[in-house]
C-alpha atoms as a PDB file:
ATOM      1  CA  MET A   1      93.515  88.249 118.164  1.00  0.00           C
ATOM      2  CA  ILE A   2      91.113  90.508 116.274  1.00  0.00           C
ATOM      3  CA  PHE A   3      90.014  88.608 113.145  1.00  0.00           C
ATOM      4  CA  ILE A   4      88.301  90.646 110.431  1.00  0.00           C
ATOM      5  CA  VAL A   5      86.775  89.750 107.065  1.00  0.00           C
ATOM      6  CA  VAL A   6      85.447  92.504 104.799  1.00  0.00           C
ATOM      7  CA  LYS A   7      83.622  92.169 101.450  1.00  0.00           C
ATOM      8  CA  PHE A   8      84.109  95.030  99.003  1.00  0.00           C
ATOM      9  CA  LYS A   9      81.859  95.298  95.924  1.00  0.00           C
ATOM     10  CA  THR A  10      83.542  97.483  93.304  1.00  0.00           C
ATOM     11  CA  LYS A  11      82.029  99.512  90.509  1.00  0.00           C
ATOM     12  CA  PRO A  12      82.787  97.712  87.221  1.00  0.00           C
ATOM     13  CA  GLU A  13      84.975 100.561  85.988  1.00  0.00           C
ATOM     14  CA  TRP A  14      87.151 100.261  89.120  1.00  0.00           C
ATOM     15  CA  THR A  15      87.380  96.476  89.354  1.00  0.00           C
ATOM     16  CA  ASP A  16      90.607  96.065  87.371  1.00  0.00           C
ATOM     17  CA  ARG A  17      92.221  98.956  89.283  1.00  0.00           C
ATOM     18  CA  TRP A  18      91.058  97.968  92.790  1.00  0.00           C
ATOM     19  CA  LEU A  19      94.280  96.286  93.941  1.00  0.00           C
ATOM     20  CA  GLU A  20      96.299  99.236  92.647  1.00  0.00           C
ATOM     21  CA  LEU A  21      94.010 101.648  94.533  1.00  0.00           C
ATOM     22  CA  VAL A  22      94.392  99.755  97.826  1.00  0.00           C
ATOM     23  CA  ALA A  23      98.139  99.058  97.429  1.00  0.00           C
ATOM     24  CA  PRO A  24      99.382 101.959  99.627  1.00  0.00           C
ATOM     25  CA  PHE A  25      96.827 101.106 102.341  1.00  0.00           C
ATOM     26  CA  THR A  26      97.785  97.432 102.152  1.00  0.00           C
ATOM     27  CA  ALA A  27     101.528  98.113 102.406  1.00  0.00           C
ATOM     28  CA  ALA A  28     101.131 100.518 105.325  1.00  0.00           C
ATOM     29  CA  THR A  29      98.879  98.121 107.219  1.00  0.00           C
ATOM     30  CA  ARG A  30     101.193  95.155 106.681  1.00  0.00           C
ATOM     31  CA  ALA A  31     104.043  97.244 108.133  1.00  0.00           C
ATOM     32  CA  GLU A  32     102.177  97.826 111.418  1.00  0.00           C
ATOM     33  CA  GLU A  33     103.751  96.153 114.429  1.00  0.00           C
ATOM     34  CA  GLY A  34     100.445  94.615 115.537  1.00  0.00           C
ATOM     35  CA  ASN A  35      99.246  93.440 112.129  1.00  0.00           C
ATOM     36  CA  LEU A  36      99.326  89.656 111.697  1.00  0.00           C
ATOM     37  CA  TRP A  37      98.101  89.595 108.091  1.00  0.00           C
ATOM     38  CA  PHE A  38      96.204  91.693 105.564  1.00  0.00           C
ATOM     39  CA  ASP A  39      95.324  89.588 102.506  1.00  0.00           C
ATOM     40  CA  TRP A  40      93.122  90.274  99.493  1.00  0.00           C
ATOM     41  CA  SER A  41      91.219  87.692  97.445  1.00  0.00           C
ATOM     42  CA  ARG A  42      88.849  88.014  94.522  1.00  0.00           C
ATOM     43  CA  SER A  43      85.554  86.154  94.269  1.00  0.00           C
ATOM     44  CA  VAL A  44      85.422  83.361  91.694  1.00  0.00           C
ATOM     45  CA  ASP A  45      81.655  83.942  91.374  1.00  0.00           C
ATOM     46  CA  ASP A  46      81.627  87.743  91.107  1.00  0.00           C
ATOM     47  CA  PRO A  47      84.711  89.445  89.650  1.00  0.00           C
ATOM     48  CA  THR A  48      83.651  92.797  91.142  1.00  0.00           C
ATOM     49  CA  GLU A  49      83.816  91.430  94.702  1.00  0.00           C
ATOM     50  CA  PHE A  50      87.014  91.449  96.740  1.00  0.00           C
ATOM     51  CA  LEU A  51      87.494  89.871 100.150  1.00  0.00           C
ATOM     52  CA  LEU A  52      89.926  91.244 102.706  1.00  0.00           C
ATOM     53  CA  VAL A  53      91.044  88.890 105.493  1.00  0.00           C
ATOM     54  CA  GLU A  54      92.989  90.700 108.189  1.00  0.00           C
ATOM     55  CA  ALA A  55      94.117  90.114 111.751  1.00  0.00           C
ATOM     56  CA  PHE A  56      95.628  92.183 114.523  1.00  0.00           C
ATOM     57  CA  ARG A  57      97.452  90.992 117.623  1.00  0.00           C
ATOM     58  CA  ASP A  58      95.006  92.617 120.074  1.00  0.00           C
ATOM     59  CA  GLN A  59      92.533  95.468 120.622  1.00  0.00           C
ATOM     60  CA  ALA A  60      95.338  98.008 120.989  1.00  0.00           C
ATOM     61  CA  ALA A  61      96.810  97.033 117.619  1.00  0.00           C
ATOM     62  CA  GLY A  62      93.375  97.236 115.997  1.00  0.00           C
ATOM     63  CA  ALA A  63      92.754 100.668 117.523  1.00  0.00           C
ATOM     64  CA  ALA A  64      96.153 101.901 116.310  1.00  0.00           C
ATOM     65  CA  HIS A  65      95.253 100.711 112.812  1.00  0.00           C
ATOM     66  CA  VAL A  66      91.899 102.509 112.766  1.00  0.00           C
ATOM     67  CA  GLY A  67      93.532 105.644 114.182  1.00  0.00           C
ATOM     68  CA  SER A  68      96.300 105.760 111.580  1.00  0.00           C
ATOM     69  CA  PRO A  69      96.463 108.507 108.954  1.00  0.00           C
ATOM     70  CA  TYR A  70      96.538 105.981 106.082  1.00  0.00           C
ATOM     71  CA  PHE A  71      93.359 104.294 107.415  1.00  0.00           C
ATOM     72  CA  LYS A  72      91.606 107.676 107.356  1.00  0.00           C
ATOM     73  CA  THR A  73      92.939 108.358 103.850  1.00  0.00           C
ATOM     74  CA  ALA A  74      91.671 104.970 102.654  1.00  0.00           C
ATOM     75  CA  MET A  75      88.224 105.578 104.184  1.00  0.00           C
ATOM     76  CA  ASN A  76      88.038 108.816 102.162  1.00  0.00           C
ATOM     77  CA  GLU A  77      89.456 107.443  98.884  1.00  0.00           C
ATOM     78  CA  LEU A  78      87.973 103.948  98.580  1.00  0.00           C
ATOM     79  CA  PRO A  79      84.240 104.815  98.407  1.00  0.00           C
ATOM     80  CA  GLN A  80      84.650 106.325  94.928  1.00  0.00           C
ATOM     81  CA  ALA A  81      85.390 102.817  93.624  1.00  0.00           C
ATOM     82  CA  LEU A  82      82.633 100.988  95.502  1.00  0.00           C
ATOM     83  CA  ALA A  83      79.154  99.998  94.374  1.00  0.00           C
ATOM     84  CA  SER A  84      77.910  99.504  97.954  1.00  0.00           C
ATOM     85  CA  THR A  85      78.930  99.818 101.583  1.00  0.00           C
ATOM     86  CA  PRO A  86      81.388  97.051 102.519  1.00  0.00           C
ATOM     87  CA  GLN A  87      80.153  94.180 104.700  1.00  0.00           C
ATOM     88  CA  ILE A  88      82.281  93.196 107.696  1.00  0.00           C
ATOM     89  CA  ILE A  89      82.712  90.512 110.327  1.00  0.00           C
ATOM     90  CA  SER A  90      85.024  91.534 113.172  1.00  0.00           C
ATOM     91  CA  GLN A  91      85.568  89.215 116.126  1.00  0.00           C
ATOM     92  CA  THR A  92      88.018  88.740 118.959  1.00  0.00           C
ATOM     93  CA  ILE A  93      89.114  85.115 118.904  1.00  0.00           C
ATOM     94  CA  ASP A  94      91.387  82.997 121.082  1.00  0.00           C
ATOM     95  CA  ALA A  95      94.193  82.422 118.581  1.00  0.00           C
ATOM     96  CA  THR A  96      97.566  83.825 117.633  1.00  0.00           C
ATOM     97  CA  GLY A  97      97.639  82.700 114.005  1.00  0.00           C
ATOM     98  CA  TRP A  98      96.497  80.069 111.543  1.00  0.00           C
ATOM     99  CA  SER A  99      96.112  76.430 112.639  1.00  0.00           C
ATOM    100  CA  GLU A 100      96.331  73.302 110.531  1.00  0.00           C
ATOM    101  CA  MET A 101      93.021  71.907 109.321  1.00  0.00           C
ATOM    102  CA  GLY A 102      92.120  68.860 111.420  1.00  0.00           C
ATOM    103  CA  GLU A 103      89.935  67.213 108.782  1.00  0.00           C
ATOM    104  CA  MET A 104      92.702  67.018 106.179  1.00  0.00           C
ATOM    105  CA  THR A 105      96.388  66.230 106.363  1.00  0.00           C
ATOM    106  CA  VAL A 106      98.839  66.605 103.517  1.00  0.00           C
ATOM    107  CA  GLU A 107     102.058  64.652 103.873  1.00  0.00           C
END
């Protein structure tokens, strides 16, 4: 699996509209055959920071995502709302999905 985490720092005037701006990109990505998840979170420490956690089945699925027309559209549209270049971690990991946390069990 390709596991990706991206931090987006928005301009204050775009912060409340960020999820609306990325909604078409999010919906299109979630509909991809090779997409495992594409989830947004907002920082509790900095309201202008959003975290995207995404995963793709394999390299081919990740390449299809980056080559899609809606990816290219997003790469052109999103910078207007950003205060800085996004930071990313992208790794291939030996997993197919989420696992239960070993240090804590809820029954």
